[in-house]
C-alpha atoms as a PDB file:
ATOM      1  CA  MET A   1       0.015  -0.013  -0.025  1.00  0.00           C
ATOM      2  CA  GLY A   2       1.033   3.644  -0.633  1.00  0.00           C
ATOM      3  CA  ASP A   3       2.937   2.953  -3.806  1.00  0.00           C
ATOM      4  CA  ILE A   4       2.492   5.574  -6.606  1.00  0.00           C
ATOM      5  CA  ILE A   5       1.488   4.412 -10.000  1.00  0.00           C
ATOM      6  CA  LEU A   6       2.383   6.556 -13.056  1.00  0.00           C
ATOM      7  CA  THR A   7       0.778   5.721 -16.349  1.00  0.00           C
ATOM      8  CA  ARG A   8       0.791   6.924 -19.930  1.00  0.00           C
ATOM      9  CA  ASN A   9      -2.062   6.809 -22.373  1.00  0.00           C
ATOM     10  CA  LYS A  10      -0.715   7.285 -25.961  1.00  0.00           C
ATOM     11  CA  LYS A  11      -4.136   7.889 -27.617  1.00  0.00           C
ATOM     12  CA  GLY A  12      -6.047  10.022 -25.206  1.00  0.00           C
ATOM     13  CA  PRO A  13      -6.132  13.718 -26.070  1.00  0.00           C
ATOM     14  CA  ILE A  14      -5.995  14.879 -22.438  1.00  0.00           C
ATOM     15  CA  SER A  15      -2.968  12.603 -21.838  1.00  0.00           C
ATOM     16  CA  TRP A  16      -1.333  14.002 -24.893  1.00  0.00           C
ATOM     17  CA  LEU A  17      -1.806  17.589 -23.687  1.00  0.00           C
ATOM     18  CA  ILE A  18      -0.560  16.840 -20.219  1.00  0.00           C
ATOM     19  CA  ARG A  19       2.610  15.215 -21.579  1.00  0.00           C
ATOM     20  CA  LEU A  20       3.097  18.075 -24.082  1.00  0.00           C
ATOM     21  CA  PHE A  21       2.662  20.994 -21.570  1.00  0.00           C
ATOM     22  CA  THR A  22       4.675  19.300 -18.718  1.00  0.00           C
ATOM     23  CA  ILE A  23       7.303  17.822 -21.118  1.00  0.00           C
ATOM     24  CA  SER A  24       6.707  14.421 -19.445  1.00  0.00           C
ATOM     25  CA  PHE A  25       6.584  10.751 -20.562  1.00  0.00           C
ATOM     26  CA  PHE A  26       3.773  10.055 -17.936  1.00  0.00           C
ATOM     27  CA  SER A  27       0.380  11.831 -17.817  1.00  0.00           C
ATOM     28  CA  HIS A  28      -1.501  10.248 -14.846  1.00  0.00           C
ATOM     29  CA  ALA A  29      -0.745   9.372 -11.185  1.00  0.00           C
ATOM     30  CA  ALA A  30      -2.687   6.996  -8.881  1.00  0.00           C
ATOM     31  CA  LEU A  31      -2.161   5.453  -5.429  1.00  0.00           C
ATOM     32  CA  TYR A  32      -2.309   1.781  -4.493  1.00  0.00           C
ATOM     33  CA  VAL A  33      -4.560   1.252  -1.429  1.00  0.00           C
ATOM     34  CA  GLY A  34      -4.297  -2.471  -1.029  1.00  0.00           C
ATOM     35  CA  ASN A  35      -6.568  -5.481  -1.767  1.00  0.00           C
ATOM     36  CA  ASN A  36      -5.971  -5.207  -5.450  1.00  0.00           C
ATOM     37  CA  SER A  37      -7.347  -1.662  -5.480  1.00  0.00           C
ATOM     38  CA  TYR A  38      -5.928   1.746  -6.399  1.00  0.00           C
ATOM     39  CA  MET A  39      -7.569   5.232  -6.180  1.00  0.00           C
ATOM     40  CA  GLU A  40      -7.281   7.997  -8.681  1.00  0.00           C
ATOM     41  CA  ALA A  41      -8.854  11.339  -9.604  1.00  0.00           C
ATOM     42  CA  ILE A  42     -10.384  11.126 -13.050  1.00  0.00           C
ATOM     43  CA  GLY A  43     -13.118  12.844 -14.933  1.00  0.00           C
ATOM     44  CA  CYS A  44     -15.950  11.410 -12.861  1.00  0.00           C
ATOM     45  CA  GLY A  45     -14.120  12.275  -9.603  1.00  0.00           C
ATOM     46  CA  VAL A  46     -12.015  10.438  -6.969  1.00  0.00           C
ATOM     47  CA  HIS A  47     -12.884   6.639  -7.342  1.00  0.00           C
ATOM     48  CA  ALA A  48     -11.323   3.210  -6.710  1.00  0.00           C
ATOM     49  CA  GLN A  49     -10.264   0.770  -9.425  1.00  0.00           C
ATOM     50  CA  ASN A  50      -9.277  -2.785  -9.663  1.00  0.00           C
ATOM     51  CA  ILE A  51      -5.441  -3.090 -10.236  1.00  0.00           C
ATOM     52  CA  LEU A  52      -6.014  -6.375 -12.164  1.00  0.00           C
ATOM     53  CA  ARG A  53      -7.835  -4.442 -14.894  1.00  0.00           C
ATOM     54  CA  LEU A  54      -4.907  -2.063 -15.396  1.00  0.00           C
ATOM     55  CA  THR A  55      -3.328  -3.252 -18.673  1.00  0.00           C
ATOM     56  CA  PHE A  56      -0.721  -1.772 -21.076  1.00  0.00           C
ATOM     57  CA  ARG A  57       0.489  -2.709 -24.428  1.00  0.00           C
ATOM     58  CA  ARG A  58       4.047  -1.798 -23.381  1.00  0.00           C
ATOM     59  CA  LYS A  59       5.823  -2.248 -19.985  1.00  0.00           C
ATOM     60  CA  SER A  60       7.252   1.229 -20.325  1.00  0.00           C
ATOM     61  CA  ASP A  61       3.683   2.780 -20.246  1.00  0.00           C
ATOM     62  CA  VAL A  62       3.515   2.229 -16.469  1.00  0.00           C
ATOM     63  CA  ILE A  63       5.801   2.583 -13.509  1.00  0.00           C
ATOM     64  CA  VAL A  64       5.456   2.050  -9.763  1.00  0.00           C
ATOM     65  CA  LEU A  65       7.250   4.186  -7.259  1.00  0.00           C
ATOM     66  CA  ARG A  66       7.814   3.446  -3.579  1.00  0.00           C
ATOM     67  CA  TYR A  67       8.962   5.551  -0.713  1.00  0.00           C
ATOM     68  CA  PRO A  68      11.765   3.417   0.959  1.00  0.00           C
ATOM     69  CA  GLY A  69      11.728   3.099   4.723  1.00  0.00           C
ATOM     70  CA  ILE A  70       8.112   4.381   5.061  1.00  0.00           C
ATOM     71  CA  LYS A  71       6.412   3.138   8.219  1.00  0.00           C
ATOM     72  CA  GLN A  72       3.165   1.281   8.337  1.00  0.00           C
ATOM     73  CA  GLN A  73       1.360   4.051  10.337  1.00  0.00           C
ATOM     74  CA  GLU A  74       2.571   6.543   7.609  1.00  0.00           C
ATOM     75  CA  ILE A  75       1.202   4.318   4.871  1.00  0.00           C
ATOM     76  CA  ARG A  76      -2.093   4.241   6.772  1.00  0.00           C
ATOM     77  CA  LYS A  77      -2.254   8.038   6.901  1.00  0.00           C
ATOM     78  CA  ILE A  78      -1.674   8.265   3.096  1.00  0.00           C
ATOM     79  CA  VAL A  79      -4.220   5.678   2.194  1.00  0.00           C
ATOM     80  CA  ASP A  80      -6.810   7.109   4.660  1.00  0.00           C
ATOM     81  CA  PHE A  81      -6.398  10.543   3.084  1.00  0.00           C
ATOM     82  CA  VAL A  82      -7.326   9.355  -0.410  1.00  0.00           C
ATOM     83  CA  ARG A  83     -10.198   7.188   0.979  1.00  0.00           C
ATOM     84  CA  TYR A  84     -11.524  10.275   2.873  1.00  0.00           C
ATOM     85  CA  HIS A  85     -11.767  12.127  -0.478  1.00  0.00           C
ATOM     86  CA  TYR A  86     -13.726   9.353  -2.238  1.00  0.00           C
ATOM     87  CA  GLY A  87     -16.343  10.936  -4.384  1.00  0.00           C
ATOM     88  CA  MET A  88     -14.528  14.330  -4.629  1.00  0.00           C
ATOM     89  CA  ALA A  89     -15.104  16.214  -7.872  1.00  0.00           C
ATOM     90  CA  TYR A  90     -12.323  16.260 -10.528  1.00  0.00           C
ATOM     91  CA  GLY A  91     -10.622  19.710 -10.874  1.00  0.00           C
ATOM     92  CA  PHE A  92     -10.168  19.939 -14.672  1.00  0.00           C
ATOM     93  CA  PHE A  93      -9.489  23.671 -14.617  1.00  0.00           C
ATOM     94  CA  ASP A  94      -7.153  23.231 -11.612  1.00  0.00           C
ATOM     95  CA  ALA A  95      -5.142  20.720 -13.648  1.00  0.00           C
ATOM     96  CA  VAL A  96      -4.892  23.217 -16.438  1.00  0.00           C
ATOM     97  CA  LYS A  97      -3.791  25.985 -14.098  1.00  0.00           C
ATOM     98  CA  ALA A  98      -1.096  23.596 -12.681  1.00  0.00           C
ATOM     99  CA  GLY A  99       0.023  23.059 -16.267  1.00  0.00           C
ATOM    100  CA  LEU A 100       0.165  26.714 -17.009  1.00  0.00           C
ATOM    101  CA  TYR A 101       2.093  27.333 -13.798  1.00  0.00           C
ATOM    102  CA  ALA A 102       4.574  24.714 -14.904  1.00  0.00           C
ATOM    103  CA  ILE A 103       5.100  26.584 -18.163  1.00  0.00           C
ATOM    104  CA  LEU A 104       4.914  30.212 -16.900  1.00  0.00           C
ATOM    105  CA  GLY A 105       6.486  29.681 -13.452  1.00  0.00           C
ATOM    106  CA  MET A 106       3.776  31.963 -11.967  1.00  0.00           C
ATOM    107  CA  LYS A 107       0.968  31.185  -9.549  1.00  0.00           C
ATOM    108  CA  CYS A 108      -0.068  34.497  -8.047  1.00  0.00           C
ATOM    109  CA  PHE A 109      -3.214  34.742 -10.202  1.00  0.00           C
ATOM    110  CA  PHE A 110      -4.246  31.049  -9.771  1.00  0.00           C
ATOM    111  CA  GLU A 111      -6.834  30.177  -7.274  1.00  0.00           C
ATOM    112  CA  MET A 112      -7.025  26.377  -6.797  1.00  0.00           C
ATOM    113  CA  LYS A 113     -10.345  24.993  -5.569  1.00  0.00           C
ATOM    114  CA  GLU A 114     -10.352  23.231  -2.171  1.00  0.00           C
ATOM    115  CA  ASN A 115     -13.335  21.095  -3.078  1.00  0.00           C
ATOM    116  CA  LYS A 116     -11.866  19.657  -6.302  1.00  0.00           C
ATOM    117  CA  THR A 117      -8.634  17.876  -7.194  1.00  0.00           C
ATOM    118  CA  PHE A 118      -6.768  16.238 -10.081  1.00  0.00           C
ATOM    119  CA  CYS A 119      -4.718  13.122 -10.280  1.00  0.00           C
ATOM    120  CA  SER A 120      -1.177  14.147  -9.157  1.00  0.00           C
ATOM    121  CA  GLN A 121      -2.510  16.769  -6.741  1.00  0.00           C
ATOM    122  CA  LEU A 122      -4.552  14.059  -4.961  1.00  0.00           C
ATOM    123  CA  VAL A 123      -1.527  11.775  -4.556  1.00  0.00           C
ATOM    124  CA  ALA A 124       0.844  14.577  -3.529  1.00  0.00           C
ATOM    125  CA  SER A 125      -1.667  15.888  -0.962  1.00  0.00           C
ATOM    126  CA  ALA A 126      -1.879  12.411   0.552  1.00  0.00           C
ATOM    127  CA  TYR A 127       1.862  12.289   0.929  1.00  0.00           C
ATOM    128  CA  ARG A 128       1.772  15.652   2.530  1.00  0.00           C
ATOM    129  CA  GLU A 129       0.012  13.880   5.501  1.00  0.00           C
ATOM    130  CA  ILE A 130       3.471  12.504   6.457  1.00  0.00           C
ATOM    131  CA  ASP A 131       5.130  15.890   6.094  1.00  0.00           C
ATOM    132  CA  MET A 132       6.429  15.354   2.484  1.00  0.00           C
ATOM    133  CA  SER A 133       5.463  18.822   1.168  1.00  0.00           C
ATOM    134  CA  SER A 134       7.208  18.984  -2.149  1.00  0.00           C
ATOM    135  CA  PHE A 135       8.143  16.746  -5.072  1.00  0.00           C
ATOM    136  CA  ASN A 136      11.016  17.563  -7.381  1.00  0.00           C
ATOM    137  CA  GLY A 137      10.871  20.997  -5.709  1.00  0.00           C
ATOM    138  CA  ARG A 138       7.151  21.587  -6.466  1.00  0.00           C
ATOM    139  CA  LYS A 139       4.497  21.961  -3.893  1.00  0.00           C
ATOM    140  CA  ALA A 140       1.690  19.423  -3.647  1.00  0.00           C
ATOM    141  CA  LEU A 141      -0.865  21.832  -5.046  1.00  0.00           C
ATOM    142  CA  PHE A 142       1.014  22.070  -8.312  1.00  0.00           C
ATOM    143  CA  THR A 143       2.542  18.616  -8.513  1.00  0.00           C
ATOM    144  CA  ARG A 144       2.647  16.867 -11.890  1.00  0.00           C
ATOM    145  CA  PRO A 145       3.156  13.181 -12.662  1.00  0.00           C
ATOM    146  CA  LYS A 146       6.618  14.137 -13.931  1.00  0.00           C
ATOM    147  CA  ASP A 147       7.560  15.496 -10.493  1.00  0.00           C
ATOM    148  CA  PHE A 148       7.021  12.098  -8.832  1.00  0.00           C
ATOM    149  CA  TYR A 149       9.195  10.430 -11.415  1.00  0.00           C
ATOM    150  CA  LYS A 150      11.922  12.991 -10.903  1.00  0.00           C
ATOM    151  CA  GLU A 151      11.671  12.993  -7.024  1.00  0.00           C
ATOM    152  CA  LYS A 152      14.858  11.396  -5.745  1.00  0.00           C
ATOM    153  CA  LYS A 153      13.232  10.079  -2.506  1.00  0.00           C
ATOM    154  CA  PHE A 154      11.219   7.475  -4.510  1.00  0.00           C
ATOM    155  CA  GLU A 155      12.488   4.208  -5.816  1.00  0.00           C
ATOM    156  CA  ARG A 156      11.308   2.347  -8.762  1.00  0.00           C
ATOM    157  CA  VAL A 157       9.589  -1.100  -8.120  1.00  0.00           C
ATOM    158  CA  ASP A 158      10.346  -3.567 -10.926  1.00  0.00           C
ATOM    159  CA  ASP A 159       9.039  -6.886  -9.799  1.00  0.00           C
ATOM    160  CA  ILE A 160       5.356  -6.207 -10.082  1.00  0.00           C
ATOM    161  CA  TYR A 161       4.646  -6.725 -13.749  1.00  0.00           C
ATOM    162  CA  ARG A 162       3.422  -9.772 -15.545  1.00  0.00           C
ATOM    163  CA  GLU A 163       2.246 -10.673 -19.058  1.00  0.00           C
ATOM    164  CA  ILE A 164      -1.481 -11.370 -19.398  1.00  0.00           C
ATOM    165  CA  THR A 165      -3.493 -13.600 -21.765  1.00  0.00           C
ATOM    166  CA  GLU A 166      -5.865 -12.392 -24.514  1.00  0.00           C
ATOM    167  CA  ASP A 167      -8.831 -13.561 -22.386  1.00  0.00           C
ATOM    168  CA  GLU A 168      -7.619 -11.417 -19.422  1.00  0.00           C
ATOM    169  CA  VAL A 169      -7.291  -8.468 -21.852  1.00  0.00           C
ATOM    170  CA  LYS A 170     -10.859  -8.863 -22.900  1.00  0.00           C
ATOM    171  CA  MET A 171     -11.989  -9.166 -19.333  1.00  0.00           C
ATOM    172  CA  ALA A 172     -10.147  -6.038 -18.292  1.00  0.00           C
ATOM    173  CA  ARG A 173     -11.782  -4.081 -21.053  1.00  0.00           C
ATOM    174  CA  LYS A 174     -15.255  -4.969 -19.983  1.00  0.00           C
ATOM    175  CA  LYS A 175     -17.183  -2.542 -17.890  1.00  0.00           C
ATOM    176  CA  GLY A 176     -17.621  -4.151 -14.462  1.00  0.00           C
ATOM    177  CA  LEU A 177     -18.643  -3.572 -10.903  1.00  0.00           C
ATOM    178  CA  ILE A 178     -16.329  -0.670 -10.154  1.00  0.00           C
ATOM    179  CA  ASP A 179     -17.605   1.199 -13.242  1.00  0.00           C
ATOM    180  CA  LEU A 180     -21.134   0.803 -11.910  1.00  0.00           C
ATOM    181  CA  GLN A 181     -20.018   1.938  -8.438  1.00  0.00           C
ATOM    182  CA  ASP A 182     -18.325   5.043 -10.073  1.00  0.00           C
ATOM    183  CA  LYS A 183     -21.514   5.891 -11.833  1.00  0.00           C
ATOM    184  CA  ILE A 184     -23.589   5.558  -8.686  1.00  0.00           C
ATOM    185  CA  VAL A 185     -21.221   7.730  -6.631  1.00  0.00           C
ATOM    186  CA  SER A 186     -20.782  10.378  -9.296  1.00  0.00           C
ATOM    187  CA  LEU A 187     -24.522  10.836  -9.884  1.00  0.00           C
ATOM    188  CA  MET A 188     -25.203  10.830  -6.137  1.00  0.00           C
ATOM    189  CA  MET A 189     -22.512  13.466  -5.397  1.00  0.00           C
ATOM    190  CA  SER A 190     -23.522  15.660  -8.354  1.00  0.00           C
ATOM    191  CA  LYS A 191     -27.076  15.900  -6.974  1.00  0.00           C
ATOM    192  CA  ILE A 192     -25.865  16.543  -3.343  1.00  0.00           C
ATOM    193  CA  TRP A 193     -23.464  19.264  -4.528  1.00  0.00           C
ATOM    194  CA  LYS A 194     -26.315  21.025  -6.349  1.00  0.00           C
ATOM    195  CA  ILE A 195     -28.485  20.888  -3.197  1.00  0.00           C
ATOM    196  CA  LEU A 196     -25.779  22.272  -0.996  1.00  0.00           C
ATOM    197  CA  LYS A 197     -24.589  24.810  -3.608  1.00  0.00           C
ATOM    198  CA  LYS A 198     -27.989  26.530  -3.379  1.00  0.00           C
ATOM    199  CA  GLU A 199     -27.249  26.975   0.350  1.00  0.00           C
ATOM    200  CA  LYS A 200     -23.758  28.313  -0.508  1.00  0.00           C
ATOM    201  CA  VAL A 201     -22.146  25.296   1.079  1.00  0.00           C
ATOM    202  CA  PHE A 202     -19.284  23.484  -0.703  1.00  0.00           C
ATOM    203  CA  ILE A 203     -17.947  20.038   0.260  1.00  0.00           C
ATOM    204  CA  ARG A 204     -15.193  17.812  -1.212  1.00  0.00           C
ATOM    205  CA  GLY A 205     -16.611  14.359  -1.019  1.00  0.00           C
ATOM    206  CA  ILE A 206     -18.776  11.723   0.662  1.00  0.00           C
ATOM    207  CA  SER A 207     -17.022  12.043   4.007  1.00  0.00           C
ATOM    208  CA  GLU A 208     -18.044  15.747   4.299  1.00  0.00           C
ATOM    209  CA  ILE A 209     -21.752  15.488   3.486  1.00  0.00           C
ATOM    210  CA  GLU A 210     -22.773  15.744   7.148  1.00  0.00           C
ATOM    211  CA  ASP A 211     -20.342  18.621   7.786  1.00  0.00           C
ATOM    212  CA  GLY A 212     -21.864  20.399   4.864  1.00  0.00           C
ATOM    213  CA  ILE A 213     -25.414  20.050   6.216  1.00  0.00           C
ATOM    214  CA  CYS A 214     -24.309  21.309   9.647  1.00  0.00           C
ATOM    215  CA  GLN A 215     -23.002  24.534   7.980  1.00  0.00           C
ATOM    216  CA  ILE A 216     -26.656  25.531   7.369  1.00  0.00           C
ATOM    217  CA  LYS A 217     -27.450  27.702  10.374  1.00  0.00           C
ATOM    218  CA  ASP A 218     -31.211  27.834  10.103  1.00  0.00           C
ATOM    219  CA  VAL A 219     -32.454  24.713  11.910  1.00  0.00           C
ATOM    220  CA  LYS A 220     -35.699  24.202   9.897  1.00  0.00           C
ATOM    221  CA  ARG A 221     -33.792  24.729   6.603  1.00  0.00           C
ATOM    222  CA  ARG A 222     -31.115  22.312   7.748  1.00  0.00           C
ATOM    223  CA  ARG A 223     -33.791  19.638   8.496  1.00  0.00           C
ATOM    224  CA  VAL A 224     -35.244  20.104   4.983  1.00  0.00           C
ATOM    225  CA  ILE A 225     -31.819  19.772   3.265  1.00  0.00           C
ATOM    226  CA  ASP A 226     -30.982  16.799   5.525  1.00  0.00           C
ATOM    227  CA  ASN A 227     -34.180  14.975   4.353  1.00  0.00           C
ATOM    228  CA  LEU A 228     -33.511  15.936   0.668  1.00  0.00           C
ATOM    229  CA  ILE A 229     -29.988  14.412   0.846  1.00  0.00           C
ATOM    230  CA  VAL A 230     -31.248  11.199   2.650  1.00  0.00           C
ATOM    231  CA  GLN A 231     -33.701  10.765  -0.272  1.00  0.00           C
ATOM    232  CA  VAL A 232     -30.929  11.254  -2.817  1.00  0.00           C
ATOM    233  CA  ILE A 233     -28.617   8.743  -1.067  1.00  0.00           C
ATOM    234  CA  ARG A 234     -31.416   6.155  -0.835  1.00  0.00           C
ATOM    235  CA  GLU A 235     -32.477   6.458  -4.449  1.00  0.00           C
ATOM    236  CA  SER A 236     -28.867   6.414  -5.805  1.00  0.00           C
ATOM    237  CA  GLY A 237     -28.189   2.819  -4.826  1.00  0.00           C
ATOM    238  CA  TYR A 238     -25.186   3.831  -2.819  1.00  0.00           C
ATOM    239  CA  LEU A 239     -26.365   2.028   0.311  1.00  0.00           C
ATOM    240  CA  ASN A 240     -26.634  -1.354  -1.599  1.00  0.00           C
ATOM    241  CA  MET A 241     -23.492  -1.146  -3.708  1.00  0.00           C
ATOM    242  CA  TRP A 242     -22.095  -4.078  -1.703  1.00  0.00           C
ATOM    243  CA  GLU A 243     -24.861  -6.279  -2.956  1.00  0.00           C
ATOM    244  CA  TYR A 244     -23.625  -5.863  -6.551  1.00  0.00           C
ATOM    245  CA  ASP A 245     -20.172  -6.990  -5.427  1.00  0.00           C
ATOM    246  CA  GLN A 246     -21.646 -10.062  -3.652  1.00  0.00           C
ATOM    247  CA  LYS A 247     -23.411 -11.046  -6.902  1.00  0.00           C
ATOM    248  CA  LYS A 248     -20.431 -10.271  -9.121  1.00  0.00           C
ATOM    249  CA  CYS A 249     -17.720 -11.868  -6.892  1.00  0.00           C
ATOM    250  CA  PRO A 250     -19.465 -14.456  -4.759  1.00  0.00           C
ATOM    251  CA  GLU A 251     -16.167 -16.234  -4.149  1.00  0.00           C
ATOM    252  CA  ASN A 252     -15.169 -13.322  -1.905  1.00  0.00           C
ATOM    253  CA  TYR A 253     -18.137 -14.018   0.475  1.00  0.00           C
ATOM    254  CA  SER A 254     -18.579 -17.806   0.324  1.00  0.00           C
ATOM    255  CA  LEU A 255     -16.186 -20.667   1.008  1.00  0.00           C
ATOM    256  CA  MET A 256     -18.462 -22.863  -1.269  1.00  0.00           C
ATOM    257  CA  GLU A 257     -17.985 -20.436  -4.151  1.00  0.00           C
ATOM    258  CA  LEU A 258     -14.285 -20.198  -3.559  1.00  0.00           C
ATOM    259  CA  LYS A 259     -14.036 -24.000  -3.774  1.00  0.00           C
ATOM    260  CA  LYS A 260     -15.551 -23.904  -7.251  1.00  0.00           C
ATOM    261  CA  LYS A 261     -12.799 -21.448  -8.279  1.00  0.00           C
ATOM    262  CA  TYR A 262      -9.953 -23.361  -6.615  1.00  0.00           C
ATOM    263  CA  PRO A 263     -10.636 -27.169  -6.535  1.00  0.00           C
ATOM    264  CA  LYS A 264      -7.148 -28.010  -5.483  1.00  0.00           C
ATOM    265  CA  LEU A 265      -6.663 -27.841  -1.652  1.00  0.00           C
ATOM    266  CA  ARG A 266      -3.315 -26.067  -1.729  1.00  0.00           C
ATOM    267  CA  GLU A 267      -4.614 -23.266  -3.981  1.00  0.00           C
ATOM    268  CA  LEU A 268      -7.871 -23.083  -2.016  1.00  0.00           C
ATOM    269  CA  ALA A 269      -6.019 -22.705   1.284  1.00  0.00           C
ATOM    270  CA  ALA A 270      -3.748 -19.923  -0.187  1.00  0.00           C
ATOM    271  CA  ALA A 271      -6.798 -18.136  -1.589  1.00  0.00           C
ATOM    272  CA  ALA A 272      -8.726 -18.515   1.720  1.00  0.00           C
ATOM    273  CA  SER A 273      -5.765 -17.000   3.545  1.00  0.00           C
ATOM    274  CA  ASP A 274      -5.802 -13.976   1.271  1.00  0.00           C
ATOM    275  CA  LYS A 275      -9.581 -13.569   1.811  1.00  0.00           C
ATOM    276  CA  VAL A 276      -9.009 -13.613   5.661  1.00  0.00           C
ATOM    277  CA  GLN A 277      -6.563 -10.788   5.369  1.00  0.00           C
ATOM    278  CA  MET A 278      -8.681  -8.871   2.964  1.00  0.00           C
ATOM    279  CA  TRP A 279     -11.799  -9.097   5.256  1.00  0.00           C
ATOM    280  CA  MET A 280      -9.719  -8.149   8.268  1.00  0.00           C
ATOM    281  CA  ASP A 281      -8.610  -4.941   6.442  1.00  0.00           C
ATOM    282  CA  ILE A 282     -12.130  -4.269   5.317  1.00  0.00           C
ATOM    283  CA  ALA A 283     -13.626  -4.882   8.802  1.00  0.00           C
ATOM    284  CA  ASN A 284     -11.067  -2.495  10.369  1.00  0.00           C
ATOM    285  CA  ARG A 285     -11.902   0.179   7.856  1.00  0.00           C
ATOM    286  CA  HIS A 286     -15.629  -0.076   8.392  1.00  0.00           C
ATOM    287  CA  GLN A 287     -15.264  -0.257  12.208  1.00  0.00           C
ATOM    288  CA  HIS A 288     -13.343   3.010  12.068  1.00  0.00           C
ATOM    289  CA  ASN A 289     -15.911   4.531   9.779  1.00  0.00           C
ATOM    290  CA  PHE A 290     -18.660   3.318  12.026  1.00  0.00           C
ATOM    291  CA  MET A 291     -17.089   4.933  15.181  1.00  0.00           C
ATOM    292  CA  VAL A 292     -16.520   8.265  13.385  1.00  0.00           C
ATOM    293  CA  THR A 293     -20.001   8.304  12.083  1.00  0.00           C
ATOM    294  CA  LYS A 294     -21.459   7.350  15.456  1.00  0.00           C
ATOM    295  CA  VAL A 295     -19.802  10.330  17.064  1.00  0.00           C
ATOM    296  CA  LYS A 296     -21.232  12.610  14.344  1.00  0.00           C
ATOM    297  CA  TYR A 297     -24.705  11.235  14.876  1.00  0.00           C
ATOM    298  CA  GLU A 298     -24.533  11.701  18.642  1.00  0.00           C
ATOM    299  CA  GLN A 299     -23.408  15.296  18.068  1.00  0.00           C
ATOM    300  CA  GLU A 300     -25.932  16.421  15.327  1.00  0.00           C
ATOM    301  CA  HIS A 301     -28.675  13.739  15.062  1.00  0.00           C
ATOM    302  CA  LEU A 302     -28.907  14.108  11.246  1.00  0.00           C
ATOM    303  CA  GLU A 303     -31.017  11.633   9.340  1.00  0.00           C
ATOM    304  CA  THR A 304     -28.192  11.520   6.704  1.00  0.00           C
ATOM    305  CA  THR A 305     -25.737  10.410   9.373  1.00  0.00           C
ATOM    306  CA  LYS A 306     -28.144   7.738  10.667  1.00  0.00           C
ATOM    307  CA  VAL A 307     -28.422   6.257   7.181  1.00  0.00           C
ATOM    308  CA  LEU A 308     -24.662   6.160   6.744  1.00  0.00           C
ATOM    309  CA  LEU A 309     -24.184   4.795  10.241  1.00  0.00           C
ATOM    310  CA  ASP A 310     -26.575   1.862   9.569  1.00  0.00           C
ATOM    311  CA  MET A 311     -24.701   1.150   6.380  1.00  0.00           C
ATOM    312  CA  GLU A 312     -21.306   1.123   8.032  1.00  0.00           C
ATOM    313  CA  GLU A 313     -22.523  -1.176  10.797  1.00  0.00           C
ATOM    314  CA  LEU A 314     -23.910  -3.587   8.244  1.00  0.00           C
ATOM    315  CA  LEU A 315     -20.696  -3.600   6.189  1.00  0.00           C
ATOM    316  CA  PHE A 316     -18.650  -4.102   9.314  1.00  0.00           C
ATOM    317  CA  PHE A 317     -20.567  -7.097  10.531  1.00  0.00           C
ATOM    318  CA  ASN A 318     -20.742  -8.521   6.864  1.00  0.00           C
ATOM    319  CA  ALA A 319     -16.949  -8.366   6.767  1.00  0.00           C
ATOM    320  CA  LEU A 320     -16.613 -10.100  10.115  1.00  0.00           C
ATOM    321  CA  LYS A 321     -19.026 -12.877   8.997  1.00  0.00           C
ATOM    322  CA  SER A 322     -17.288 -13.447   5.645  1.00  0.00           C
ATOM    323  CA  GLY A 323     -13.871 -13.398   7.151  1.00  0.00           C
ATOM    324  CA  LYS A 324     -14.830 -15.855   9.822  1.00  0.00           C
ATOM    325  CA  GLU A 325     -15.979 -18.439   7.356  1.00  0.00           C
ATOM    326  CA  PHE A 326     -12.591 -18.523   5.564  1.00  0.00           C
ATOM    327  CA  ASP A 327     -10.728 -18.367   8.981  1.00  0.00           C
ATOM    328  CA  ASP A 328     -12.735 -21.301  10.302  1.00  0.00           C
ATOM    329  CA  PHE A 329     -11.905 -23.315   7.219  1.00  0.00           C
ATOM    330  CA  LEU A 330      -8.150 -22.695   7.629  1.00  0.00           C
ATOM    331  CA  HIS A 331      -8.239 -23.488  11.342  1.00  0.00           C
ATOM    332  CA  ASN A 332     -10.094 -26.794  10.624  1.00  0.00           C
ATOM    333  CA  LEU A 333      -7.219 -27.716   8.239  1.00  0.00           C
ATOM    334  CA  TRP A 334      -4.567 -26.860  10.840  1.00  0.00           C
ATOM    335  CA  ASN A 335      -6.433 -28.899  13.405  1.00  0.00           C
ATOM    336  CA  GLN A 336      -6.314 -31.905  11.041  1.00  0.00           C
ATOM    337  CA  GLY A 337      -2.583 -31.406  10.783  1.00  0.00           C
ATOM    338  CA  ILE A 338      -2.770 -29.921   7.282  1.00  0.00           C
ATOM    339  CA  THR A 339      -0.552 -27.019   8.074  1.00  0.00           C
ATOM    340  CA  PRO A 340       0.946 -24.639   5.458  1.00  0.00           C
ATOM    341  CA  GLU A 341       4.227 -26.590   5.512  1.00  0.00           C
ATOM    342  CA  VAL A 342       2.223 -29.807   4.809  1.00  0.00           C
ATOM    343  CA  LEU A 343       0.392 -28.146   1.941  1.00  0.00           C
ATOM    344  CA  GLU A 344       3.592 -27.063   0.350  1.00  0.00           C
ATOM    345  CA  THR A 345       4.608 -30.727   0.017  1.00  0.00           C
ATOM    346  CA  MET A 346       1.282 -32.037  -1.158  1.00  0.00           C
ATOM    347  CA  GLN A 347       1.050 -33.523  -4.745  1.00  0.00           C
ATOM    348  CA  GLU A 348      -2.235 -32.696  -6.389  1.00  0.00           C
END
């Protein structure tokens, strides 16, 4: 987690312009957040993507950078920062301003928006959480993908690439679950931004919805806006996005489904072990979100907060339940004497 991913899209016009004006080989930056996921700021906002769907024709079109010696708690700060900004709007004009600043070397007449971000600014701002305030001598607000590449503090990671089959290429190009989730979040946030904009309130992403409502001083008006936003959240499908994941990837939730995918015991045990770790991470995240949301609800008693609180509680217990099923399976194996060492020597 915490690795920076720099990519290059040869055909995209935006990518071409970024590379032209910044005199850079790379045009996009993203951050790996663990569990085969990375987060990035793109046209539809700040969203998560599946790293297994990130494919390139040439190995040189992608590079991974790592900050050597970084501590686990620092990685957590970086990852939590980008997750906090999930759903934040994309700052297209801010990206243009940063590009002009790179050319002109001037910034006095540029006003960057606090409620919007672009790819390299998001990643640089996340690293600012661990007091890394500049990259290649450029401040986080104006950081370009090129600056990560030039920054001497980062080391290149070379052992993370692999060739994929034609079937995997076809699968990667298909629109999937994350595309659906991106659409749901983008539409939901665009409606919420419009509602709050009329109240002269501006927020950055999902995590600031309740803070935005609380900025409305008139109690009656706040209650009206609160109810409007609850309605938007319920109708968007945001509260049920996890159900789409359960249908699309049942092997993440059920041992029986995982057995269908991995009929050999050694492969099944390895996959189950990965699922246990995955669900532990997810449960910890939702437990944290639940506690934070609970405090917000006790302070303001917003209906919006109550809806989000119920969702986080549900996701937390679902994660515990799914993780326990895989964990129990592994413990049963160990109790039968089928330890990881034994599995390594098994002929299947």
